[in-house]
Amino acid sequence: MSADTLDRGGHDHADHAHDAHHDEEGHGSRRGYWIGFLLSVVLTAIPFWLVMTMPLAKQATALIIMAFAAVQMVVHMIFFLHMNRRAEGGWSIMALIFTVVIVGIALSGSLWVMYHMNENMMPMQDMASMG
């Protein structure tokens, strides 16, 4: 290490420059924010147009809106939350995967229980004869 790379506090400028470059990788660029913003606008405008004009059946419109919402969540995670395999040593992606699995289990389990609860309910005329 040469004397010209050390400052008065004994810190190495080369290491500091490397750390600053490493920190910038975790943050988005202005171009990345614009891409995310434009994608978000398009992914919002298309479902809005579908609802306002109703060119499709209600069920098809609802499915398309849910698909656009899922894509928009991914866009927000990538362009605004900066989640990728490199961020925080991959732990942010692992946390995301864990969250998606838990939410999937909770939603599918809830739907399964509600469906079977409805199927296994006693008919009203049978309940009246019991009392």
N, C-alpha and C. Protein backbone atom coordinates (compact mmCIF):
# COMPACT_ATOMS: atom_id res chain seq x y z
N MET A 1 0.85 -1.16 0.00
CA MET A 1 0.00 0.00 0.00
C MET A 1 0.90 1.23 0.00
N SER A 2 0.70 2.13 -0.91
CA SER A 2 1.55 3.31 -1.00
C SER A 2 0.99 4.44 -0.16
N ALA A 3 1.85 5.41 0.12
CA ALA A 3 1.45 6.54 0.97
C ALA A 3 0.44 7.43 0.27
N ASP A 4 0.42 7.46 -1.08
CA ASP A 4 -0.50 8.34 -1.77
C ASP A 4 -1.94 7.83 -1.77
N THR A 5 -2.16 6.53 -1.46
CA THR A 5 -3.54 6.03 -1.38
C THR A 5 -4.10 6.14 0.02
N LEU A 6 -3.27 6.53 1.00
CA LEU A 6 -3.76 6.68 2.36
C LEU A 6 -4.11 8.13 2.63
N ASP A 7 -5.23 8.36 3.32
CA ASP A 7 -5.54 9.73 3.72
C ASP A 7 -4.98 9.98 5.12
N ARG A 8 -5.30 11.12 5.69
CA ARG A 8 -4.73 11.48 6.99
C ARG A 8 -5.15 10.51 8.09
N GLY A 9 -6.31 9.90 7.97
CA GLY A 9 -6.77 8.97 8.98
C GLY A 9 -6.23 7.57 8.78
N GLY A 10 -5.42 7.37 7.75
CA GLY A 10 -4.86 6.05 7.48
C GLY A 10 -5.80 5.14 6.70
N HIS A 11 -6.86 5.71 6.12
CA HIS A 11 -7.80 4.92 5.34
C HIS A 11 -7.32 4.80 3.91
N ASP A 12 -7.56 3.66 3.32
CA ASP A 12 -7.13 3.40 1.96
C ASP A 12 -8.21 3.90 1.00
N HIS A 13 -7.86 4.85 0.13
CA HIS A 13 -8.82 5.40 -0.84
C HIS A 13 -9.26 4.35 -1.84
N ALA A 14 -8.39 3.45 -2.22
CA ALA A 14 -8.75 2.42 -3.20
C ALA A 14 -9.85 1.53 -2.64
N ASP A 15 -9.76 1.14 -1.36
CA ASP A 15 -10.81 0.33 -0.76
C ASP A 15 -12.11 1.10 -0.66
N HIS A 16 -12.02 2.40 -0.32
CA HIS A 16 -13.22 3.23 -0.21
C HIS A 16 -13.91 3.36 -1.57
N ALA A 17 -13.13 3.54 -2.63
CA ALA A 17 -13.70 3.64 -3.97
C ALA A 17 -14.37 2.32 -4.34
N HIS A 18 -13.76 1.21 -3.98
CA HIS A 18 -14.36 -0.09 -4.27
C HIS A 18 -15.67 -0.27 -3.49
N ASP A 19 -15.70 0.15 -2.21
CA ASP A 19 -16.91 0.05 -1.41
C ASP A 19 -18.01 0.93 -1.97
N ALA A 20 -17.67 2.14 -2.44
CA ALA A 20 -18.67 3.03 -3.02
C ALA A 20 -19.25 2.42 -4.29
N HIS A 21 -18.40 1.78 -5.10
CA HIS A 21 -18.90 1.13 -6.31
C HIS A 21 -19.78 -0.05 -5.94
N HIS A 22 -19.41 -0.79 -4.91
CA HIS A 22 -20.20 -1.94 -4.48
C HIS A 22 -21.57 -1.49 -3.96
N ASP A 23 -21.61 -0.35 -3.25
CA ASP A 23 -22.88 0.16 -2.74
C ASP A 23 -23.79 0.60 -3.87
N GLU A 24 -23.22 1.13 -4.95
CA GLU A 24 -24.04 1.60 -6.06
C GLU A 24 -24.73 0.44 -6.77
N GLU A 25 -24.13 -0.78 -6.72
CA GLU A 25 -24.76 -1.91 -7.37
C GLU A 25 -26.10 -2.25 -6.74
N GLY A 26 -26.24 -2.02 -5.42
CA GLY A 26 -27.47 -2.33 -4.74
C GLY A 26 -28.56 -1.30 -4.98
N HIS A 27 -28.20 -0.12 -5.42
CA HIS A 27 -29.16 0.94 -5.65
C HIS A 27 -29.44 1.04 -7.14
N GLY A 28 -30.63 1.55 -7.46
CA GLY A 28 -31.00 1.66 -8.86
C GLY A 28 -30.44 2.89 -9.51
N SER A 29 -30.38 2.82 -10.82
CA SER A 29 -29.96 3.97 -11.60
C SER A 29 -31.20 4.76 -12.00
N ARG A 30 -30.99 5.95 -12.48
CA ARG A 30 -32.12 6.76 -12.96
C ARG A 30 -32.82 6.05 -14.12
N ARG A 31 -32.04 5.41 -14.99
CA ARG A 31 -32.61 4.67 -16.12
C ARG A 31 -33.48 3.52 -15.63
N GLY A 32 -33.01 2.81 -14.60
CA GLY A 32 -33.78 1.70 -14.04
C GLY A 32 -35.09 2.16 -13.42
N TYR A 33 -35.04 3.29 -12.72
CA TYR A 33 -36.27 3.83 -12.14
C TYR A 33 -37.27 4.24 -13.23
N TRP A 34 -36.76 4.84 -14.32
CA TRP A 34 -37.66 5.22 -15.42
C TRP A 34 -38.28 3.99 -16.08
N ILE A 35 -37.48 2.95 -16.28
CA ILE A 35 -38.02 1.72 -16.88
C ILE A 35 -39.10 1.14 -15.97
N GLY A 36 -38.82 1.09 -14.66
CA GLY A 36 -39.81 0.59 -13.71
C GLY A 36 -41.07 1.42 -13.70
N PHE A 37 -40.90 2.74 -13.74
CA PHE A 37 -42.05 3.64 -13.75
C PHE A 37 -42.90 3.43 -15.00
N LEU A 38 -42.26 3.37 -16.16
CA LEU A 38 -43.01 3.20 -17.41
C LEU A 38 -43.72 1.85 -17.45
N LEU A 39 -43.03 0.79 -17.00
CA LEU A 39 -43.69 -0.52 -16.94
C LEU A 39 -44.88 -0.48 -15.99
N SER A 40 -44.74 0.18 -14.87
CA SER A 40 -45.84 0.28 -13.90
C SER A 40 -47.03 1.02 -14.49
N VAL A 41 -46.76 2.08 -15.22
CA VAL A 41 -47.85 2.85 -15.85
C VAL A 41 -48.58 1.98 -16.87
N VAL A 42 -47.84 1.26 -17.71
CA VAL A 42 -48.46 0.41 -18.72
C VAL A 42 -49.24 -0.72 -18.05
N LEU A 43 -48.63 -1.33 -17.01
CA LEU A 43 -49.29 -2.44 -16.32
C LEU A 43 -50.49 -1.99 -15.50
N THR A 44 -50.65 -0.71 -15.29
CA THR A 44 -51.84 -0.16 -14.63
C THR A 44 -52.86 0.30 -15.67
N ALA A 45 -52.40 0.90 -16.76
CA ALA A 45 -53.30 1.45 -17.77
C ALA A 45 -54.09 0.37 -18.51
N ILE A 46 -53.45 -0.73 -18.81
CA ILE A 46 -54.15 -1.79 -19.56
C ILE A 46 -55.31 -2.38 -18.75
N PRO A 47 -55.12 -2.78 -17.48
CA PRO A 47 -56.28 -3.25 -16.72
C PRO A 47 -57.34 -2.17 -16.52
N PHE A 48 -56.92 -0.92 -16.35
CA PHE A 48 -57.89 0.17 -16.23
C PHE A 48 -58.73 0.27 -17.50
N TRP A 49 -58.09 0.17 -18.64
CA TRP A 49 -58.81 0.21 -19.91
C TRP A 49 -59.77 -0.98 -20.03
N LEU A 50 -59.31 -2.17 -19.60
CA LEU A 50 -60.17 -3.35 -19.65
C LEU A 50 -61.43 -3.17 -18.80
N VAL A 51 -61.29 -2.58 -17.64
CA VAL A 51 -62.44 -2.38 -16.76
C VAL A 51 -63.37 -1.31 -17.31
N MET A 52 -62.80 -0.25 -17.84
CA MET A 52 -63.64 0.85 -18.33
C MET A 52 -64.39 0.49 -19.61
N THR A 53 -63.80 -0.30 -20.50
CA THR A 53 -64.45 -0.61 -21.77
C THR A 53 -65.16 -1.96 -21.77
N MET A 54 -64.79 -2.85 -20.85
CA MET A 54 -65.36 -4.21 -20.73
C MET A 54 -65.44 -4.95 -22.08
N PRO A 55 -64.32 -5.08 -22.81
CA PRO A 55 -64.37 -5.80 -24.08
C PRO A 55 -64.43 -7.32 -23.90
N LEU A 56 -64.15 -7.81 -22.71
CA LEU A 56 -64.14 -9.25 -22.43
C LEU A 56 -65.17 -9.59 -21.36
N ALA A 57 -65.36 -10.90 -21.17
CA ALA A 57 -66.25 -11.35 -20.10
C ALA A 57 -65.65 -10.97 -18.74
N LYS A 58 -66.51 -10.90 -17.72
CA LYS A 58 -66.05 -10.47 -16.40
C LYS A 58 -64.98 -11.40 -15.83
N GLN A 59 -65.16 -12.70 -16.01
CA GLN A 59 -64.17 -13.65 -15.47
C GLN A 59 -62.83 -13.52 -16.18
N ALA A 60 -62.85 -13.35 -17.48
CA ALA A 60 -61.61 -13.18 -18.24
C ALA A 60 -60.91 -11.88 -17.83
N THR A 61 -61.70 -10.83 -17.66
CA THR A 61 -61.14 -9.54 -17.23
C THR A 61 -60.49 -9.67 -15.85
N ALA A 62 -61.16 -10.36 -14.94
CA ALA A 62 -60.62 -10.55 -13.59
C ALA A 62 -59.31 -11.33 -13.63
N LEU A 63 -59.25 -12.39 -14.43
CA LEU A 63 -58.02 -13.18 -14.54
C LEU A 63 -56.88 -12.36 -15.14
N ILE A 64 -57.18 -11.57 -16.15
CA ILE A 64 -56.14 -10.74 -16.77
C ILE A 64 -55.64 -9.68 -15.79
N ILE A 65 -56.55 -9.09 -15.03
CA ILE A 65 -56.14 -8.09 -14.04
C ILE A 65 -55.24 -8.72 -12.98
N MET A 66 -55.58 -9.93 -12.53
CA MET A 66 -54.73 -10.60 -11.54
C MET A 66 -53.35 -10.92 -12.11
N ALA A 67 -53.30 -11.32 -13.38
CA ALA A 67 -52.01 -11.60 -14.01
C ALA A 67 -51.18 -10.32 -14.12
N PHE A 68 -51.81 -9.23 -14.51
CA PHE A 68 -51.09 -7.95 -14.59
C PHE A 68 -50.61 -7.50 -13.21
N ALA A 69 -51.42 -7.76 -12.18
CA ALA A 69 -51.02 -7.40 -10.82
C ALA A 69 -49.79 -8.20 -10.40
N ALA A 70 -49.76 -9.49 -10.73
CA ALA A 70 -48.60 -10.32 -10.38
C ALA A 70 -47.35 -9.82 -11.10
N VAL A 71 -47.48 -9.49 -12.37
CA VAL A 71 -46.34 -8.97 -13.13
C VAL A 71 -45.89 -7.63 -12.55
N GLN A 72 -46.85 -6.81 -12.16
CA GLN A 72 -46.47 -5.51 -11.59
C GLN A 72 -45.75 -5.66 -10.26
N MET A 73 -46.12 -6.66 -9.46
CA MET A 73 -45.40 -6.90 -8.21
C MET A 73 -43.95 -7.27 -8.50
N VAL A 74 -43.73 -8.08 -9.52
CA VAL A 74 -42.36 -8.46 -9.90
C VAL A 74 -41.58 -7.23 -10.37
N VAL A 75 -42.22 -6.38 -11.17
CA VAL A 75 -41.56 -5.15 -11.64
C VAL A 75 -41.16 -4.28 -10.46
N HIS A 76 -42.04 -4.13 -9.49
CA HIS A 76 -41.73 -3.31 -8.31
C HIS A 76 -40.58 -3.91 -7.52
N MET A 77 -40.58 -5.23 -7.37
CA MET A 77 -39.50 -5.87 -6.62
C MET A 77 -38.16 -5.70 -7.30
N ILE A 78 -38.14 -5.77 -8.61
CA ILE A 78 -36.87 -5.69 -9.35
C ILE A 78 -36.39 -4.24 -9.46
N PHE A 79 -37.28 -3.34 -9.91
CA PHE A 79 -36.84 -1.98 -10.23
C PHE A 79 -36.85 -1.02 -9.05
N PHE A 80 -37.72 -1.25 -8.05
CA PHE A 80 -37.82 -0.31 -6.94
C PHE A 80 -37.27 -0.87 -5.63
N LEU A 81 -37.47 -2.16 -5.38
CA LEU A 81 -36.94 -2.77 -4.17
C LEU A 81 -35.56 -3.37 -4.39
N HIS A 82 -35.12 -3.44 -5.64
CA HIS A 82 -33.79 -3.91 -6.02
C HIS A 82 -33.51 -5.32 -5.51
N MET A 83 -34.51 -6.18 -5.61
CA MET A 83 -34.33 -7.57 -5.17
C MET A 83 -33.77 -8.38 -6.32
N ASN A 84 -32.61 -8.98 -6.07
CA ASN A 84 -32.02 -9.88 -7.04
C ASN A 84 -31.18 -10.90 -6.29
N ARG A 85 -30.52 -11.78 -7.01
CA ARG A 85 -29.73 -12.83 -6.36
C ARG A 85 -28.51 -12.27 -5.66
N ARG A 86 -28.02 -11.11 -6.08
CA ARG A 86 -26.82 -10.52 -5.48
C ARG A 86 -27.13 -9.71 -4.23
N ALA A 87 -28.34 -9.17 -4.13
CA ALA A 87 -28.68 -8.28 -3.01
C ALA A 87 -28.63 -9.04 -1.69
N GLU A 88 -27.91 -8.50 -0.74
CA GLU A 88 -27.79 -9.05 0.61
C GLU A 88 -27.38 -10.51 0.60
N GLY A 89 -26.51 -10.86 -0.32
CA GLY A 89 -26.00 -12.23 -0.38
C GLY A 89 -27.07 -13.26 -0.73
N GLY A 90 -28.14 -12.85 -1.39
CA GLY A 90 -29.20 -13.77 -1.77
C GLY A 90 -30.27 -13.95 -0.71
N TRP A 91 -30.11 -13.36 0.47
CA TRP A 91 -31.08 -13.56 1.53
C TRP A 91 -32.41 -12.89 1.23
N SER A 92 -32.43 -11.80 0.48
CA SER A 92 -33.70 -11.15 0.18
C SER A 92 -34.55 -12.04 -0.73
N ILE A 93 -33.91 -12.73 -1.66
CA ILE A 93 -34.65 -13.65 -2.53
C ILE A 93 -35.15 -14.85 -1.72
N MET A 94 -34.33 -15.34 -0.80
CA MET A 94 -34.76 -16.46 0.04
C MET A 94 -35.96 -16.05 0.90
N ALA A 95 -35.93 -14.84 1.44
CA ALA A 95 -37.06 -14.35 2.24
C ALA A 95 -38.30 -14.22 1.37
N LEU A 96 -38.13 -13.75 0.14
CA LEU A 96 -39.27 -13.62 -0.78
C LEU A 96 -39.86 -14.99 -1.10
N ILE A 97 -39.01 -15.95 -1.40
CA ILE A 97 -39.50 -17.30 -1.71
C ILE A 97 -40.24 -17.88 -0.52
N PHE A 98 -39.69 -17.72 0.68
CA PHE A 98 -40.34 -18.22 1.89
C PHE A 98 -41.71 -17.57 2.06
N THR A 99 -41.78 -16.25 1.85
CA THR A 99 -43.04 -15.53 1.99
C THR A 99 -44.07 -16.01 0.98
N VAL A 100 -43.65 -16.20 -0.27
CA VAL A 100 -44.57 -16.68 -1.31
C VAL A 100 -45.09 -18.08 -0.97
N VAL A 101 -44.22 -18.95 -0.47
CA VAL A 101 -44.65 -20.30 -0.11
C VAL A 101 -45.66 -20.25 1.03
N ILE A 102 -45.38 -19.47 2.07
CA ILE A 102 -46.30 -19.38 3.22
C ILE A 102 -47.64 -18.79 2.80
N VAL A 103 -47.62 -17.72 2.00
CA VAL A 103 -48.88 -17.12 1.53
C VAL A 103 -49.63 -18.10 0.65
N GLY A 104 -48.94 -18.84 -0.21
CA GLY A 104 -49.59 -19.85 -1.04
C GLY A 104 -50.25 -20.94 -0.22
N ILE A 105 -49.55 -21.41 0.81
CA ILE A 105 -50.13 -22.43 1.68
C ILE A 105 -51.35 -21.88 2.41
N ALA A 106 -51.25 -20.66 2.92
CA ALA A 106 -52.38 -20.07 3.65
C ALA A 106 -53.59 -19.87 2.74
N LEU A 107 -53.37 -19.35 1.54
CA LEU A 107 -54.49 -19.12 0.63
C LEU A 107 -55.11 -20.41 0.14
N SER A 108 -54.28 -21.34 -0.31
CA SER A 108 -54.83 -22.61 -0.82
C SER A 108 -55.51 -23.39 0.31
N GLY A 109 -54.92 -23.38 1.50
CA GLY A 109 -55.55 -24.06 2.63
C GLY A 109 -56.88 -23.44 2.99
N SER A 110 -56.95 -22.12 2.97
CA SER A 110 -58.22 -21.44 3.28
C SER A 110 -59.29 -21.77 2.26
N LEU A 111 -58.92 -21.73 0.99
CA LEU A 111 -59.89 -22.07 -0.06
C LEU A 111 -60.34 -23.52 0.05
N TRP A 112 -59.41 -24.42 0.35
CA TRP A 112 -59.75 -25.84 0.50
C TRP A 112 -60.71 -26.05 1.66
N VAL A 113 -60.44 -25.42 2.79
CA VAL A 113 -61.31 -25.56 3.96
C VAL A 113 -62.69 -24.98 3.66
N MET A 114 -62.76 -23.80 3.04
CA MET A 114 -64.06 -23.19 2.75
C MET A 114 -64.86 -24.03 1.77
N TYR A 115 -64.20 -24.60 0.75
CA TYR A 115 -64.91 -25.44 -0.22
C TYR A 115 -65.48 -26.67 0.46
N HIS A 116 -64.67 -27.36 1.24
CA HIS A 116 -65.12 -28.59 1.89
C HIS A 116 -66.12 -28.30 3.00
N MET A 117 -66.01 -27.16 3.65
CA MET A 117 -66.98 -26.80 4.67
C MET A 117 -68.34 -26.60 4.02
N ASN A 118 -68.38 -25.98 2.86
CA ASN A 118 -69.62 -25.76 2.15
C ASN A 118 -70.20 -27.08 1.66
N GLU A 119 -69.35 -27.97 1.17
CA GLU A 119 -69.82 -29.27 0.67
C GLU A 119 -70.35 -30.15 1.79
N ASN A 120 -69.80 -30.04 2.98
CA ASN A 120 -70.17 -30.93 4.08
C ASN A 120 -71.20 -30.33 5.03
N MET A 121 -71.76 -29.19 4.68
CA MET A 121 -72.79 -28.58 5.54
C MET A 121 -74.07 -29.40 5.47
N MET A 122 -74.75 -29.48 6.58
CA MET A 122 -76.01 -30.20 6.64
C MET A 122 -77.08 -29.34 5.96
N PRO A 123 -77.93 -29.95 5.13
CA PRO A 123 -79.01 -29.17 4.49
C PRO A 123 -79.94 -28.56 5.54
N MET A 124 -80.54 -27.45 5.22
CA MET A 124 -81.37 -26.71 6.18
C MET A 124 -82.58 -27.52 6.63
N GLN A 125 -83.22 -28.33 5.73
CA GLN A 125 -84.39 -29.09 6.14
C GLN A 125 -84.02 -30.16 7.17
N ASP A 126 -82.82 -30.73 7.08
CA ASP A 126 -82.38 -31.70 8.07
C ASP A 126 -82.13 -31.05 9.41
N MET A 127 -81.64 -29.82 9.40
CA MET A 127 -81.40 -29.10 10.66
C MET A 127 -82.70 -28.77 11.35
N ALA A 128 -83.74 -28.46 10.57
CA ALA A 128 -85.04 -28.11 11.15
C ALA A 128 -85.67 -29.33 11.81
N SER A 129 -85.48 -30.51 11.23
CA SER A 129 -86.07 -31.72 11.82
C SER A 129 -85.35 -32.17 13.09
N MET A 130 -84.11 -31.72 13.29
CA MET A 130 -83.35 -32.09 14.50
C MET A 130 -83.85 -31.36 15.72
N GLY A 131 -84.33 -30.16 15.58
CA GLY A 131 -84.63 -29.30 16.72
C GLY A 131 -86.00 -29.42 17.18
